[in-house]
Protein backbone atom coordinates (compact mmCIF):
# COMPACT_ATOMS: atom_id res chain seq x y z
CA UNK A 1 217.31 163.15 104.04
CA UNK A 2 217.63 164.77 100.57
CA UNK A 3 214.63 165.71 98.53
CA UNK A 4 214.21 164.50 94.58
CA UNK A 5 212.46 166.30 92.26
CA UNK A 6 209.58 164.27 90.70
CA UNK A 7 208.47 164.91 87.52
CA UNK A 8 205.78 162.05 87.80
CA UNK A 9 202.19 163.15 87.33
CA UNK A 10 200.34 166.07 86.24
CA UNK A 11 200.19 169.59 87.49
CA UNK A 12 196.89 171.22 88.07
CA UNK A 13 197.20 173.01 84.85
CA UNK A 14 197.92 169.75 83.25
CA UNK A 15 195.33 167.93 84.86
CA UNK A 16 192.45 170.69 83.99
CA UNK A 17 193.43 171.36 80.49
CA UNK A 18 191.04 168.64 79.08
CA UNK A 19 187.80 169.56 77.88
CA UNK A 20 186.13 166.81 79.70
CA UNK A 21 184.43 167.56 82.99
CA UNK A 22 186.10 166.01 86.05
CA UNK A 23 185.07 165.00 89.33
CA UNK A 24 186.73 163.88 92.72
CA UNK A 25 186.78 160.34 91.71
CA UNK A 26 188.63 160.84 88.32
CA UNK A 27 191.99 161.94 90.01
CA UNK A 28 194.55 161.28 92.82
CA UNK A 29 196.94 163.25 94.67
CA UNK A 30 200.66 161.59 94.37
CA UNK A 31 202.16 161.84 97.72
CA UNK A 32 205.11 164.00 99.03
CA UNK A 33 207.68 163.72 101.91
CA UNK A 34 206.82 163.13 105.49
CA UNK A 35 208.44 164.76 108.15
CA UNK A 36 205.99 165.68 110.69
CA UNK A 37 202.45 163.75 112.38
CA UNK A 38 198.98 164.50 111.27
CA UNK A 39 198.36 166.61 114.56
CA UNK A 40 200.92 169.32 113.30
CA UNK A 41 198.20 169.91 110.31
CA UNK A 42 196.59 173.16 110.51
CA UNK A 43 193.46 173.66 108.61
CA UNK A 44 192.33 176.87 109.28
CA UNK A 45 191.06 178.76 106.39
CA UNK A 46 189.34 182.14 105.02
CA UNK A 47 186.12 181.11 103.76
CA UNK A 48 185.55 185.01 103.04
CA UNK A 49 187.49 188.20 102.87
CA UNK A 50 187.35 188.73 106.27
CA UNK A 51 185.95 185.55 108.11
CA UNK A 52 188.33 182.33 108.92
CA UNK A 53 187.56 179.23 110.51
CA UNK A 54 189.72 176.38 112.13
CA UNK A 55 188.42 173.67 110.13
CA UNK A 56 187.23 173.75 106.84
CA UNK A 57 183.66 172.20 106.91
CA UNK A 58 180.56 174.50 106.15
CA UNK A 59 177.07 173.39 106.42
CA UNK A 60 174.26 173.83 103.51
CA UNK A 61 171.74 176.18 104.12
CA UNK A 62 168.94 173.13 103.47
CA UNK A 63 165.85 173.03 106.00
CA UNK A 64 167.04 169.31 106.56
CA UNK A 65 170.52 170.10 107.46
CA UNK A 66 170.97 173.68 109.30
CA UNK A 67 169.37 175.12 111.78
CA UNK A 68 170.55 176.46 115.24
CA UNK A 69 171.76 173.04 116.61
CA UNK A 70 173.86 172.53 113.69
CA UNK A 71 175.23 175.74 113.35
CA UNK A 72 175.97 175.76 117.20
CA UNK A 73 177.86 172.51 117.01
CA UNK A 74 179.92 173.30 114.09
CA UNK A 75 180.87 176.51 115.55
CA UNK A 76 182.05 175.31 118.47
CA UNK A 77 184.07 172.53 116.85
CA UNK A 78 185.70 175.09 114.52
CA UNK A 79 183.48 175.00 111.24
CA UNK A 80 180.45 177.21 110.41
CA UNK A 81 176.73 176.67 109.92
CA UNK A 82 174.48 178.38 107.38
CA UNK A 83 170.69 178.87 108.95
CA UNK A 84 168.44 177.82 105.92
CA UNK A 85 165.66 180.53 104.74
CA UNK A 86 162.98 178.11 103.95
CA UNK A 87 161.02 179.85 106.63
CA UNK A 88 159.72 183.02 107.68
CA UNK A 89 161.84 185.85 108.69
CA UNK A 90 160.99 185.65 112.31
CA UNK A 91 161.85 182.10 112.43
CA UNK A 92 165.26 182.59 110.90
CA UNK A 93 166.33 185.28 113.21
CA UNK A 94 165.34 183.24 116.00
CA UNK A 95 167.69 180.21 114.64
CA UNK A 96 170.58 183.02 114.25
CA UNK A 97 169.87 184.52 117.53
CA UNK A 98 170.07 181.30 119.26
CA UNK A 99 173.45 180.74 117.74
CA UNK A 100 174.78 184.37 118.65
CA UNK A 101 173.51 184.03 122.21
CA UNK A 102 174.82 180.42 122.85
CA UNK A 103 177.86 181.30 124.11
CA UNK A 104 179.92 184.17 125.18
CA UNK A 105 182.53 185.09 127.86
CA UNK A 106 180.40 188.18 129.07
CA UNK A 107 177.05 188.29 127.91
CA UNK A 108 176.35 191.94 127.35
CA UNK A 109 172.88 191.69 126.46
CA UNK A 110 171.25 189.05 128.50
CA UNK A 111 167.27 188.36 128.44
CA UNK A 112 165.91 189.82 131.50
CA UNK A 113 162.49 189.45 133.37
CA UNK A 114 160.71 191.65 136.23
CA UNK A 115 159.60 190.29 139.92
CA UNK A 116 156.01 190.78 137.96
CA UNK A 117 156.73 188.54 135.36
CA UNK A 118 155.49 184.65 135.65
CA UNK A 119 157.08 181.04 135.68
CA UNK A 120 155.36 180.59 132.26
CA UNK A 121 157.65 183.34 131.05
CA UNK A 122 160.30 181.49 132.16
CA UNK A 123 159.59 178.35 130.79
CA UNK A 124 158.94 180.35 127.28
CA UNK A 125 162.45 181.82 127.27
CA UNK A 126 163.89 178.35 128.06
CA UNK A 127 162.14 176.58 125.22
CA UNK A 128 163.50 179.26 123.08
CA UNK A 129 166.64 179.53 123.78
CA UNK A 130 167.66 176.48 125.38
CA UNK A 131 168.44 178.22 128.76
CA UNK A 132 166.50 179.60 132.31
CA UNK A 133 169.19 181.19 134.31
CA UNK A 134 167.68 184.74 134.07
CA UNK A 135 168.39 187.99 135.91
CA UNK A 136 165.58 189.82 137.40
CA UNK A 137 165.85 193.53 137.59
CA UNK A 138 162.85 196.09 138.62
CA UNK A 139 161.20 196.54 135.50
CA UNK A 140 163.06 193.81 133.46
CA UNK A 141 165.69 195.95 131.49
CA UNK A 142 169.21 196.83 132.35
CA UNK A 143 168.28 200.79 133.43
CA UNK A 144 166.88 199.42 136.77
CA UNK A 145 168.78 197.31 139.59
CA UNK A 146 169.29 193.77 139.82
CA UNK A 147 166.81 192.00 142.41
CA UNK A 148 167.33 188.74 141.88
CA UNK A 149 167.68 185.76 139.72
CA UNK A 150 165.66 182.69 138.55
CA UNK A 151 167.16 179.25 137.81
CA UNK A 152 166.07 175.62 137.08
CA UNK A 153 166.21 175.02 140.47
CA UNK A 154 163.54 177.85 141.66
CA UNK A 155 161.02 176.61 139.18
CA UNK A 156 161.35 172.83 138.90
CA UNK A 157 158.79 171.87 141.23
CA UNK A 158 156.48 174.55 140.52
CA UNK A 159 153.33 173.49 139.10
CA UNK A 160 151.46 177.13 138.75
CA UNK A 161 152.93 178.33 135.86
CA UNK A 162 151.03 181.81 136.86
CA UNK A 163 152.95 182.32 139.86
CA UNK A 164 155.07 185.43 139.77
CA UNK A 165 158.79 185.18 139.68
CA UNK A 166 159.07 187.45 142.63
CA UNK A 167 157.71 184.72 144.99
CA UNK A 168 160.49 182.08 143.48
CA UNK A 169 163.37 183.95 142.61
CA UNK A 170 167.13 183.93 144.33
CA UNK A 171 168.03 187.11 145.96
CA UNK A 172 171.04 185.89 147.95
CA UNK A 173 173.08 186.64 145.04
CA UNK A 174 176.99 186.17 144.30
CA UNK A 175 177.80 189.03 142.06
CA UNK A 176 180.69 190.45 140.48
CA UNK A 177 181.88 194.17 139.94
CA UNK A 178 181.97 195.98 136.47
CA UNK A 179 185.66 195.42 135.48
CA UNK A 180 186.34 192.24 136.99
CA UNK A 181 188.52 190.17 134.62
CA UNK A 182 187.61 186.76 132.71
CA UNK A 183 190.04 185.05 135.18
CA UNK A 184 189.00 186.51 138.37
CA UNK A 185 184.98 186.01 137.32
CA UNK A 186 185.73 182.25 136.58
CA UNK A 187 187.18 181.80 140.14
CA UNK A 188 184.17 183.53 141.70
CA UNK A 189 181.94 180.98 139.69
CA UNK A 190 183.84 178.14 140.98
CA UNK A 191 184.23 179.17 144.46
CA UNK A 192 180.26 179.73 144.69
CA UNK A 193 179.42 176.78 143.02
CA UNK A 194 176.97 178.87 140.92
CA UNK A 195 175.91 178.45 137.46
CA UNK A 196 175.48 182.34 136.48
CA UNK A 197 177.43 185.24 137.87
CA UNK A 198 175.75 188.87 137.16
CA UNK A 199 178.47 191.43 136.85
CA UNK A 200 177.19 194.91 138.09
CA UNK A 201 178.28 198.69 138.49
CA UNK A 202 178.36 200.89 141.52
CA UNK A 203 174.69 201.77 141.22
CA UNK A 204 173.92 198.03 141.15
CA UNK A 205 172.74 197.86 137.76
CA UNK A 206 173.23 195.13 135.78
CA UNK A 207 175.93 195.47 132.70
CA UNK A 208 176.59 191.45 131.97
CA UNK A 209 176.60 188.06 132.77
CA UNK A 210 178.63 185.16 132.82
CA UNK A 211 177.91 181.34 132.79
CA UNK A 212 179.59 178.80 134.21
CA UNK A 213 178.61 176.60 131.03
CA UNK A 214 180.14 179.27 128.87
CA UNK A 215 183.53 179.17 130.41
CA UNK A 216 183.51 174.82 130.47
CA UNK A 217 182.68 175.41 126.90
CA UNK A 218 185.59 177.38 126.13
CA UNK A 219 188.12 174.99 127.61
CA UNK A 220 186.61 171.78 125.92
CA UNK A 221 186.44 173.66 122.40
CA UNK A 222 189.34 176.04 121.89
CA UNK A 223 188.73 175.95 118.03
CA UNK A 224 185.49 177.48 118.16
CA UNK A 225 184.36 179.99 115.60
CA UNK A 226 183.96 183.36 117.21
CA UNK A 227 183.39 186.94 116.35
CA UNK A 228 185.35 189.77 117.76
CA UNK A 229 182.98 189.88 120.79
CA UNK A 230 183.49 186.01 121.34
CA UNK A 231 180.11 184.91 120.44
CA UNK A 232 179.71 182.16 118.10
CA UNK A 233 180.26 182.53 114.27
CA UNK A 234 176.91 181.85 112.24
CA UNK A 235 175.74 182.41 108.48
CA UNK A 236 172.31 183.05 107.28
CA UNK A 237 170.75 182.15 103.64
CA UNK A 238 168.78 184.77 101.73
CA UNK A 239 167.04 184.70 98.40
CA UNK A 240 167.17 187.63 95.15
CA UNK A 241 163.68 187.59 95.67
CA UNK A 242 162.10 191.12 96.63
CA UNK A 243 160.97 190.07 99.93
CA UNK A 244 164.29 189.31 101.07
CA UNK A 245 165.19 192.99 101.23
CA UNK A 246 163.83 192.92 104.78
CA UNK A 247 165.38 189.62 105.75
CA UNK A 248 168.76 190.91 105.12
CA UNK A 249 168.06 193.99 106.99
CA UNK A 250 166.92 191.85 109.98
CA UNK A 251 169.73 189.56 109.90
CA UNK A 252 172.60 192.19 109.70
CA UNK A 253 170.67 193.96 112.88
CA UNK A 254 170.50 190.67 114.72
CA UNK A 255 174.35 190.28 114.12
CA UNK A 256 174.63 187.42 111.33
CA UNK A 257 178.31 187.34 110.34
CA UNK A 258 177.91 186.17 106.67
CA UNK A 259 174.99 186.29 104.39
CA UNK A 260 174.77 183.62 101.70
CA UNK A 261 172.90 184.44 98.76
CA UNK A 262 171.33 181.35 98.05
CA UNK A 263 170.69 180.74 94.45
CA UNK A 264 171.12 177.54 92.20
CA UNK A 265 172.14 179.86 89.36
CA UNK A 266 173.99 182.87 90.45
CA UNK A 267 174.97 184.29 87.32
CA UNK A 268 171.90 186.56 87.09
CA UNK A 269 171.02 190.04 86.95
CA UNK A 270 168.90 189.50 89.98
CA UNK A 271 172.46 188.67 92.26
CA UNK A 272 174.37 190.98 90.61
CA UNK A 273 172.10 194.02 91.70
CA UNK A 274 171.30 192.35 94.94
CA UNK A 275 175.09 192.01 96.02
CA UNK A 276 175.87 195.92 94.92
CA UNK A 277 172.70 196.84 96.87
CA UNK A 278 173.82 194.72 100.01
CA UNK A 279 177.64 196.01 99.78
CA UNK A 280 176.38 199.68 99.55
CA UNK A 281 173.89 199.56 102.77
CA UNK A 282 176.27 196.98 104.85
CA UNK A 283 179.60 197.45 103.57
CA UNK A 284 181.42 195.42 106.80
CA UNK A 285 178.93 192.70 106.12
CA UNK A 286 180.39 189.66 103.78
CA UNK A 287 178.58 188.09 101.02
CA UNK A 288 178.99 184.48 99.90
CA UNK A 289 177.81 184.58 96.28
CA UNK A 290 176.73 182.13 94.18
CA UNK A 291 176.01 179.11 92.83
CA UNK A 292 178.54 179.52 89.88
CA UNK A 293 180.89 177.02 88.05
CA UNK A 294 182.34 178.90 85.35
CA UNK A 295 185.37 181.69 85.29
CA UNK A 296 182.81 184.28 83.72
CA UNK A 297 180.24 183.77 86.36
CA UNK A 298 182.72 184.02 89.04
CA UNK A 299 184.28 187.24 87.49
CA UNK A 300 180.73 188.78 87.52
CA UNK A 301 179.72 188.22 90.98
CA UNK A 302 183.38 189.31 92.36
CA UNK A 303 183.10 192.35 90.25
CA UNK A 304 179.79 193.15 92.07
CA UNK A 305 181.10 193.07 95.40
CA UNK A 306 181.04 189.27 96.56
CA UNK A 307 183.50 188.25 99.16
CA UNK A 308 183.55 184.72 98.92
CA UNK A 309 181.78 182.41 95.87
CA UNK A 310 179.99 178.81 96.46
CA UNK A 311 180.82 176.73 93.55
CA UNK A 312 178.73 174.17 92.08
CA UNK A 313 175.78 173.37 90.23
CA UNK A 314 174.31 169.90 89.93
CA UNK A 315 176.90 167.48 91.95
CA UNK A 316 175.15 167.20 95.18
CA UNK A 317 173.84 163.60 96.14
CA UNK A 318 170.07 164.94 96.34
CA UNK A 319 170.16 167.04 93.23
CA UNK A 320 169.00 166.56 89.45
CA UNK A 321 169.60 169.77 87.95
CA UNK A 322 172.34 168.24 85.38
CA UNK A 323 170.10 165.72 84.35
CA UNK A 324 166.96 167.64 84.19
CA UNK A 325 168.31 170.88 82.90
CA UNK A 326 171.34 169.72 81.14
CA UNK A 327 173.08 172.73 82.41
CA UNK A 328 176.01 172.44 84.91
CA UNK A 329 179.58 171.54 85.60
CA UNK A 330 181.51 168.51 86.67
CA UNK A 331 182.31 169.51 90.36
CA UNK A 332 186.35 169.06 90.32
CA UNK A 333 186.48 170.94 87.07
CA UNK A 334 184.25 173.76 88.37
CA UNK A 335 186.04 173.96 91.59
CA UNK A 336 189.66 174.07 89.84
CA UNK A 337 188.62 177.04 87.17
CA UNK A 338 186.69 179.32 89.59
CA UNK A 339 189.50 179.19 91.79
CA UNK A 340 191.87 179.99 89.47
CA UNK A 341 190.27 183.06 88.90
CA UNK A 342 189.23 183.92 92.19
CA UNK A 343 192.78 183.82 93.67
CA UNK A 344 193.78 186.73 91.63
CA UNK A 345 191.14 188.77 93.63
CA UNK A 346 191.71 187.10 97.19
CA UNK A 347 188.27 185.79 97.04
CA UNK A 348 187.97 181.93 98.68
CA UNK A 349 185.99 179.75 96.83
CA UNK A 350 183.83 176.98 98.65
CA UNK A 351 183.25 173.76 97.08
CA UNK A 352 179.13 172.67 97.54
CA UNK A 353 178.29 169.59 96.71
CA UNK A 354 179.78 166.00 95.62
CA UNK A 355 181.81 165.43 98.87
CA UNK A 356 180.99 162.07 99.97
CA UNK A 357 183.98 161.09 101.81
CA UNK A 358 187.34 162.72 103.65
CA UNK A 359 189.15 161.89 100.27
CA UNK A 360 186.77 164.46 98.56
CA UNK A 361 187.47 167.07 101.07
CA UNK A 362 190.91 166.67 100.57
CA UNK A 363 190.56 166.93 96.89
CA UNK A 364 188.45 169.74 96.76
CA UNK A 365 190.98 171.93 98.81
CA UNK A 366 193.89 170.76 96.89
CA UNK A 367 192.65 172.30 93.72
CA UNK A 368 191.86 175.55 95.18
CA UNK A 369 188.51 175.37 97.36
CA UNK A 370 189.43 177.15 100.92
CA UNK A 371 186.46 175.21 102.39
CA UNK A 372 183.80 172.38 101.78
CA UNK A 373 179.86 172.69 102.09
CA UNK A 374 178.17 169.79 102.76
CA UNK A 375 174.85 168.59 102.87
CA UNK A 376 174.09 164.89 103.14
CA UNK A 377 177.27 164.18 104.77
CA UNK A 378 175.63 165.90 107.91
CA UNK A 379 172.23 165.20 107.29
CA UNK A 380 171.61 162.05 109.43
CA UNK A 381 173.22 163.72 112.32
CA UNK A 382 171.72 163.99 115.73
CA UNK A 383 172.09 168.15 115.19
CA UNK A 384 170.52 167.97 112.08
CA UNK A 385 166.45 169.31 111.95
CA UNK A 386 164.10 166.45 112.11
CA UNK A 387 163.19 163.14 114.08
CA UNK A 388 164.86 159.58 113.59
CA UNK A 389 162.48 156.79 112.27
CA UNK A 390 163.26 153.22 111.47
CA UNK A 391 162.89 151.35 108.11
CA UNK A 392 163.45 147.66 108.28
CA UNK A 393 165.60 148.34 111.36
CA UNK A 394 167.84 150.98 110.03
CA UNK A 395 167.67 154.06 111.81
CA UNK A 396 167.10 157.47 108.98
CA UNK A 397 166.42 160.49 109.04
CA UNK A 398 164.73 162.30 105.96
CA UNK A 399 166.61 164.70 103.54
CA UNK A 400 165.47 166.58 100.90
CA UNK A 401 166.98 168.80 98.32
CA UNK A 402 165.54 172.37 98.56
CA UNK A 403 164.71 172.01 94.57
CA UNK A 404 162.49 168.94 95.64
CA UNK A 405 158.67 169.43 95.20
CA UNK A 406 158.34 169.14 98.87
CA UNK A 407 160.91 171.54 99.74
CA UNK A 408 159.57 174.20 96.83
CA UNK A 409 156.29 174.03 98.46
CA UNK A 410 157.27 174.90 101.89
CA UNK A 411 159.41 177.94 99.99
CA UNK A 412 162.44 176.86 98.79
CA UNK A 413 161.15 177.49 95.11
CA UNK A 414 162.75 180.75 95.52
CA UNK A 415 165.88 179.78 95.11
CA UNK A 416 165.05 178.19 91.68
CA UNK A 417 163.21 181.12 90.52
CA UNK A 418 160.22 179.02 90.74
CA UNK A 419 158.31 180.43 94.17
CA UNK A 420 155.91 181.89 91.84
CA UNK A 421 155.51 179.59 88.98
CA UNK A 422 152.26 177.87 88.30
CA UNK A 423 154.20 174.77 87.15
CA UNK A 424 157.39 173.58 88.90
CA UNK A 425 160.21 171.46 87.61
CA UNK A 426 161.93 169.69 90.23
CA UNK A 427 165.54 169.87 90.50
CA UNK A 428 166.02 167.77 93.38
CA UNK A 429 164.55 164.84 95.37
CA UNK A 430 163.80 163.54 98.78
CA UNK A 431 164.93 160.78 100.66
CA UNK A 432 166.75 159.59 103.68
CA UNK A 433 169.84 159.19 105.09
CA UNK A 434 171.66 156.72 108.15
CA UNK A 435 171.91 157.62 111.63
CA UNK A 436 175.61 159.40 111.81
CA UNK A 437 175.56 160.23 115.36
CA UNK A 438 176.51 163.44 116.89
CA UNK A 439 178.52 165.97 115.03
CA UNK A 440 180.82 166.05 117.70
CA UNK A 441 182.16 162.77 116.81
CA UNK A 442 181.57 162.71 113.22
CA UNK A 443 183.32 165.52 112.22
CA UNK A 444 186.41 165.31 114.28
CA UNK A 445 186.82 161.88 112.68
CA UNK A 446 186.24 163.54 109.26
CA UNK A 447 189.07 166.23 109.97
CA UNK A 448 191.25 163.85 111.63
CA UNK A 449 191.37 162.00 108.40
CA UNK A 450 191.63 165.10 106.11
CA UNK A 451 194.89 165.65 108.27
CA UNK A 452 196.11 162.34 107.71
CA UNK A 453 195.59 163.11 103.88
CA UNK A 454 197.84 166.32 104.42
CA UNK A 455 200.55 164.31 105.64
CA UNK A 456 200.48 161.94 103.06
CA UNK A 457 200.89 164.88 100.65
CA UNK A 458 203.68 166.03 103.06
CA UNK A 459 201.87 169.38 103.58
CA UNK A 460 200.99 171.20 106.69
CA UNK A 461 198.31 173.83 106.13
CA UNK A 462 195.95 174.83 103.52
CA UNK A 463 197.88 178.01 102.33
CA UNK A 464 201.15 176.00 101.49
CA UNK A 465 198.69 173.33 99.39
CA UNK A 466 197.48 176.08 97.55
CA UNK A 467 200.70 177.21 97.09
CA UNK A 468 202.09 173.96 95.65
CA UNK A 469 199.35 173.58 93.55
CA UNK A 470 199.55 177.30 91.66
CA UNK A 471 203.61 176.37 91.53
CA UNK A 472 202.69 173.23 89.96
CA UNK A 473 204.65 171.15 92.74
CA UNK A 474 201.66 169.72 93.84
CA UNK A 475 201.42 166.24 91.27
CA UNK A 476 198.38 164.56 90.27
CA UNK A 477 196.97 161.62 88.05
CA UNK A 478 193.92 160.57 86.19
CA UNK A 479 192.01 157.49 87.53
CA UNK A 480 190.58 154.96 85.00
CA UNK A 481 187.68 153.47 85.78
CA UNK A 482 190.01 150.17 86.83
CA UNK A 483 192.10 152.29 89.11
CA UNK A 484 189.16 153.63 90.93
CA UNK A 485 187.60 149.99 91.45
CA UNK A 486 190.89 148.76 92.75
CA UNK A 487 191.29 151.96 95.05
CA UNK A 488 187.94 151.11 96.78
CA UNK A 489 187.44 147.93 98.63
CA UNK A 490 187.03 144.69 96.33
CA UNK A 491 187.09 140.82 96.09
CA UNK A 492 185.49 140.51 99.40
CA UNK A 493 182.66 138.46 100.24
CA UNK A 494 181.38 141.23 102.65
CA UNK A 495 182.70 144.16 104.89
CA UNK A 496 181.79 146.89 106.81
CA UNK A 497 182.78 150.43 106.73
CA UNK A 498 184.15 151.78 110.07
CA UNK A 499 182.26 154.80 109.65
CA UNK A 500 179.68 156.32 107.21
CA UNK A 501 181.62 158.91 104.90
CA UNK A 502 185.12 157.04 105.67
CA UNK A 503 185.99 155.17 102.45
C-alpha cells in the first residue's frame, strides 16, 4: 500500500508558535499508517544522559507517592522511582538501601550476623529490609568462615527473642563455589529446594549470596530497570538547602543512581551552584535538575551540568502555584519549548505534572518529553505510602502536595525556599485519591494503552516519535472546547470508567 504525503494539521512548530499557553487537552495528534501490532512498540527511553528505562514512567518524589515499595515496584516493571527527601538523611538512605538490596543475581554485600547475635536481631533486619535469610559467619563479617544460615523456618516458632542464633541456625548447608555461573547456581537452588545459596571461596569465606526469589523476579520482570551490577535502579531527591550537602554525600555512597534536585523553581543561583558542586565532586552521578518551564531556564541548568531536566511549574493536580503565585506556564508549552532547546545538548526532559490519563502520557512524549513524572496517578496504589481508609463507602488514600502546609511542616518547605520562613504561603493542598490497586496491574495497563496510541500514530518507538516531531512529519490539530467535549464521554445517563486514569 502506498503512502500519501499529508498536509493536514499543524507541525509542532506551528502548533506552539501561538502566544497562548497550551495544555495536553488543547490538541490532538493526527493518526498515521498502521503496519504493526501494539506489542511491537518499544517504549525504552533515556531519562538522563547515561540512564535509560524500559517504560517512560517516573514516580514523583512526594511523601505520599514514593518510598521503597513504589520504587521497587516501578523498577521491576521497567520504570523509576524517586525517593522523597521529606525525611531525615537516615530515613532516606534506608529507603534507597531497601531498593538497592532488593534484587540482585549475586548479592556481593549481604547482611551478616554472628552466632552470638539473637533472634531479635534477625527480626529487626526483616522489619527493615523485608527478608530474613541471613548467612552466619564466625564474627558476623565476610572476613571469617561461613558457619550457618538462619531463615524464617528456623525462628517462626521461637518465642524467646533473646535466644542466640547459634542455637537455631541451620548448619547443614548447600553451597556454591566461587566462580559458579548464574545458570549453575540456579540449578543448585532448584535441586536443593532452598531459598538461599551461599557462594564461598576455597577458604570457606562467604563471597556472595544468591536468592531464589531474585531468580524468579528476573524471569517475571524482564524489563526491570537495573544498574551495571544488576541491582534495581533508584533515584533520590535532594534540595539546595545547605544541610543537604551531607545528604548528597550519603546518597552517592549508598549507590543512588540519579540525584533529583527538588525545587519548585529551579532557575536560581542556589541550584546552579549546587549542580556545579555535585558534578565536580561526583562527575559519574547523573543529576536531574529543575523544575523549569522556559528555554532560558533550561539553558542555564544545562550549562551548569544537568544531565536531565524536570519540566513543570504548577500543572499538578495538587498544586496551586499558578493561581497563588501568578507564575508558571501551561504544561504542553513548557515541555515543547524546553525539549526543543535541550535536544541540542542531548539532555532528556521529563514532563512533570498534568498527567491524568493514557492520552496525556502519549502527548507529553509526542512533544519532546523522554518520560513523564507522575504523582496523583500513582498515589492511590497499594505501593504508595500511607494507609487506606473509607469515606462514604469509597476506599481512599491521602495525597498532599509538597507545598501544602502539612508537607511543609514535615520538611517539604525547603523545596520552596520556605523551610525557615515565619509566614508560609501554601502552593499546594492536601486531599484524597481513590484506590487504584497495585501498580503491577495499573502501570502495565497504562503502558499498553500508550502502545496502542503509538500504533494509532504509526510510530514504533520514542526515538522515531521525536524524529517525526522535529522533521515536522508528525501532525497535530488544536482542539476547541466543543471538540474536547465531543472527544470524551457525552450524552449518557451514566457510565463507568474501565479503570481510573484510562480516559
